[in-house]
Amino acid sequence: EITNYALTVNGQPRTFQNWHKWPYTIAIDQEIDIDGYKSQFKVVQPLLENPPLSGLLLALVHTGDQLKQTSVKQVRLVPIALTSITAASVFWLGYLTAGVGVGMIAGLIYALSPGMVVSGRLAVPENMIAGLLIFSLVVLHYYFKKPHRILIWLLIIIAFISPCIKISGLIIPITIGTLLISQKKFRP
């Protein structure tokens, strides 16, 4: 059963003392009535949770104290906003590197590709990682044109928080470091 946001078995939530007695993955299929629509949700609690930042950011828009009190608008708002910001960043990066035409085409391809349309409907941490990667490339573009200390600090912050969203976010600090070294701008 689901108690608040934790899965429990026989009323016992997973703790540090009893985690080794639990099966590796606990999954519950549940039909929830949200805003008048019946939807089936599969709630999965893995053995080791992902880094917590994406869940904390998505929980900022949640207003109730139970999953059943969340509206569809709250669930969809964050992924739609993140996908829109990422599409705008793709346009911006294309504009900076090759002009308005390339920026428009790149932004449209990104925004209308089936993968992005589907991910815009899902609350997945990859939405945040994609946006941060494109934004870090935009910041790097400005840094290569005119190095400022504020830009390098912004890149450091992005490189620090990206693995806290998801482990695959390590691609961002690796990309930043590789581009700085390849452009011989690694001294800062």
Protein backbone atom coordinates (compact mmCIF):
# COMPACT_ATOMS: atom_id res chain seq x y z
CA GLU A 1 0.00 0.00 0.00
CA ILE A 2 1.02 3.64 -0.37
CA THR A 3 1.39 5.69 2.79
CA ASN A 4 2.07 9.31 1.88
CA TYR A 5 4.89 8.91 -0.65
CA ALA A 6 6.41 5.70 0.78
CA LEU A 7 5.47 2.15 -0.12
CA THR A 8 4.75 0.00 2.88
CA VAL A 9 4.31 -3.74 3.32
CA ASN A 10 2.08 -4.78 6.24
CA GLY A 11 2.26 -1.19 7.50
CA GLN A 12 6.06 -1.22 7.70
CA PRO A 13 7.97 1.36 5.63
CA ARG A 14 11.48 0.66 4.45
CA THR A 15 14.12 1.96 6.86
CA PHE A 16 17.87 1.67 7.15
CA GLN A 17 17.40 -1.10 9.70
CA ASN A 18 15.13 -3.33 7.59
CA TRP A 19 16.10 -2.52 3.98
CA HIS A 20 17.97 -5.82 3.51
CA LYS A 21 14.77 -7.82 4.25
CA TRP A 22 12.83 -6.15 1.42
CA PRO A 23 12.74 -7.34 -2.18
CA TYR A 24 14.88 -5.39 -4.64
CA THR A 25 12.03 -3.55 -6.31
CA ILE A 26 8.59 -2.92 -4.94
CA ALA A 27 5.93 -1.98 -7.47
CA ILE A 28 2.26 -1.31 -7.04
CA ASP A 29 -0.31 -0.91 -9.83
CA GLN A 30 -2.91 1.56 -8.68
CA GLU A 31 -5.90 3.14 -10.37
CA ILE A 32 -6.32 6.74 -9.23
CA ASP A 33 -9.11 9.13 -10.10
CA ILE A 34 -7.40 12.44 -10.91
CA ASP A 35 -9.48 15.43 -11.99
CA GLY A 36 -12.31 13.16 -13.06
CA TYR A 37 -10.11 10.86 -15.18
CA LYS A 38 -9.31 7.32 -14.16
CA SER A 39 -5.66 6.59 -14.74
CA GLN A 40 -3.49 3.64 -13.92
CA PHE A 41 -0.16 4.42 -12.33
CA LYS A 42 2.69 2.07 -11.60
CA VAL A 43 4.49 3.31 -8.51
CA VAL A 44 7.95 1.81 -8.15
CA GLN A 45 10.33 2.23 -5.23
CA PRO A 46 13.80 1.01 -6.22
CA LEU A 47 16.29 -0.42 -3.77
CA LEU A 48 18.52 2.62 -4.11
CA GLU A 49 16.82 5.91 -4.88
CA ASN A 50 18.12 8.20 -7.59
CA PRO A 51 19.81 11.39 -6.44
CA PRO A 52 17.11 13.44 -4.74
CA LEU A 53 17.23 16.82 -6.49
CA SER A 54 14.81 16.02 -9.33
CA GLY A 55 12.20 14.68 -6.93
CA LEU A 56 12.58 17.70 -4.68
CA LEU A 57 12.21 20.10 -7.61
CA LEU A 58 9.12 18.28 -8.90
CA ALA A 59 7.64 18.26 -5.39
CA LEU A 60 7.81 22.05 -5.21
CA VAL A 61 4.61 22.33 -7.30
CA HIS A 62 2.77 19.71 -5.21
CA THR A 63 0.30 21.29 -2.79
CA GLY A 64 -1.36 18.34 -1.03
CA ASP A 65 -0.02 15.88 1.49
CA GLN A 66 -1.02 12.76 -0.48
CA LEU A 67 -0.53 11.56 -4.03
CA LYS A 68 -4.29 11.49 -4.62
CA GLN A 69 -4.51 15.25 -4.01
CA THR A 70 -2.20 16.07 -6.91
CA SER A 71 -3.94 17.48 -9.95
CA VAL A 72 -3.05 16.67 -13.54
CA LYS A 73 -2.10 20.32 -14.00
CA GLN A 74 0.54 20.02 -11.25
CA VAL A 75 1.92 16.78 -12.67
CA ARG A 76 2.16 18.14 -16.24
CA LEU A 77 3.28 21.71 -15.48
CA VAL A 78 6.94 21.06 -14.64
CA PRO A 79 7.77 18.78 -17.62
CA ILE A 80 6.00 21.11 -20.07
CA ALA A 81 7.87 24.13 -18.70
CA LEU A 82 11.22 22.29 -18.80
CA THR A 83 10.70 21.05 -22.35
CA SER A 84 9.72 24.56 -23.47
CA ILE A 85 12.79 26.09 -21.85
CA THR A 86 15.01 23.44 -23.43
CA ALA A 87 13.50 24.04 -26.89
CA ALA A 88 14.11 27.77 -26.47
CA SER A 89 17.70 27.04 -25.40
CA VAL A 90 18.23 24.86 -28.48
CA PHE A 91 17.03 27.77 -30.64
CA TRP A 92 19.32 30.14 -28.74
CA LEU A 93 22.35 27.88 -29.18
CA GLY A 94 21.61 27.41 -32.88
CA TYR A 95 21.20 31.17 -33.27
CA LEU A 96 24.51 31.87 -31.52
CA THR A 97 26.48 29.37 -33.56
CA ALA A 98 24.92 29.56 -37.04
CA GLY A 99 22.22 32.22 -37.26
CA VAL A 100 18.46 32.65 -36.98
CA GLY A 101 17.50 30.11 -39.66
CA VAL A 102 19.51 27.29 -38.13
CA GLY A 103 18.25 28.24 -34.67
CA MET A 104 14.63 28.07 -35.81
CA ILE A 105 15.11 24.73 -37.55
CA ALA A 106 17.00 23.26 -34.57
CA GLY A 107 14.38 24.49 -32.10
CA LEU A 108 11.51 23.13 -34.19
CA ILE A 109 13.18 19.77 -34.70
CA TYR A 110 13.81 19.50 -30.97
CA ALA A 111 10.33 20.65 -29.97
CA LEU A 112 8.43 18.50 -32.47
CA SER A 113 10.42 15.25 -32.35
CA PRO A 114 8.40 12.35 -30.90
CA GLY A 115 10.89 11.77 -28.10
CA MET A 116 10.59 15.31 -26.83
CA VAL A 117 6.80 15.37 -27.19
CA VAL A 118 6.56 12.22 -25.07
CA SER A 119 9.15 13.35 -22.51
CA GLY A 120 7.28 16.64 -22.17
CA ARG A 121 4.38 14.65 -20.78
CA LEU A 122 6.46 12.67 -18.29
CA ALA A 123 7.98 13.91 -15.07
CA VAL A 124 11.43 12.48 -15.74
CA PRO A 125 14.77 13.88 -14.55
CA GLU A 126 16.14 13.70 -18.10
CA ASN A 127 14.02 16.78 -18.90
CA MET A 128 16.14 18.74 -16.43
CA ILE A 129 19.42 17.21 -17.63
CA ALA A 130 18.71 18.09 -21.27
CA GLY A 131 17.89 21.68 -20.38
CA LEU A 132 20.98 22.07 -18.22
CA LEU A 133 23.23 20.59 -20.91
CA ILE A 134 21.99 23.00 -23.59
CA PHE A 135 22.12 25.94 -21.16
CA SER A 136 25.71 25.06 -20.19
CA LEU A 137 26.66 25.01 -23.89
CA VAL A 138 25.15 28.49 -24.28
CA VAL A 139 27.11 29.74 -21.26
CA LEU A 140 30.28 28.14 -22.66
CA HIS A 141 29.70 29.95 -25.97
CA TYR A 142 29.60 33.30 -24.17
CA TYR A 143 32.58 32.33 -22.02
CA PHE A 144 34.71 31.51 -25.07
CA LYS A 145 33.87 34.88 -26.60
CA LYS A 146 34.65 36.91 -23.49
CA PRO A 147 35.74 35.13 -20.30
CA HIS A 148 34.04 36.40 -17.16
CA ARG A 149 34.31 35.02 -13.68
CA ILE A 150 30.52 34.96 -13.26
CA LEU A 151 30.19 32.61 -16.25
CA ILE A 152 32.72 30.15 -14.85
CA TRP A 153 30.89 30.19 -11.50
CA LEU A 154 27.61 29.54 -13.31
CA LEU A 155 29.24 26.57 -15.08
CA ILE A 156 30.54 25.27 -11.74
CA ILE A 157 27.04 25.46 -10.23
CA ILE A 158 25.53 23.66 -13.23
CA ALA A 159 28.27 21.00 -13.09
CA PHE A 160 27.63 20.49 -9.37
CA ILE A 161 23.84 20.21 -9.44
CA SER A 162 23.52 18.07 -12.58
CA PRO A 163 24.69 14.78 -10.97
CA CYS A 164 22.37 15.55 -8.03
CA ILE A 165 19.44 15.38 -10.46
CA LYS A 166 20.42 12.06 -11.99
CA ILE A 167 23.66 10.12 -12.28
CA SER A 168 23.57 10.49 -16.07
CA GLY A 169 23.94 14.23 -15.38
CA LEU A 170 27.68 13.55 -15.05
CA ILE A 171 27.80 14.12 -18.80
CA ILE A 172 27.48 17.87 -18.13
CA PRO A 173 30.67 18.35 -16.04
CA ILE A 174 32.51 16.02 -18.43
CA THR A 175 31.33 18.08 -21.42
CA ILE A 176 32.20 21.37 -19.74
CA GLY A 177 35.66 20.13 -18.76
CA THR A 178 36.37 18.65 -22.19
CA LEU A 179 35.36 21.83 -24.01
CA LEU A 180 37.36 24.04 -21.65
CA ILE A 181 40.46 21.89 -22.07
CA SER A 182 40.06 21.62 -25.84
CA GLN A 183 39.82 25.40 -26.14
CA LYS A 184 42.75 25.81 -23.75
CA LYS A 185 40.52 27.78 -21.37
CA PHE A 186 41.07 25.41 -18.46
CA ARG A 187 43.06 27.77 -16.28
CA PRO A 188 40.01 29.16 -14.37
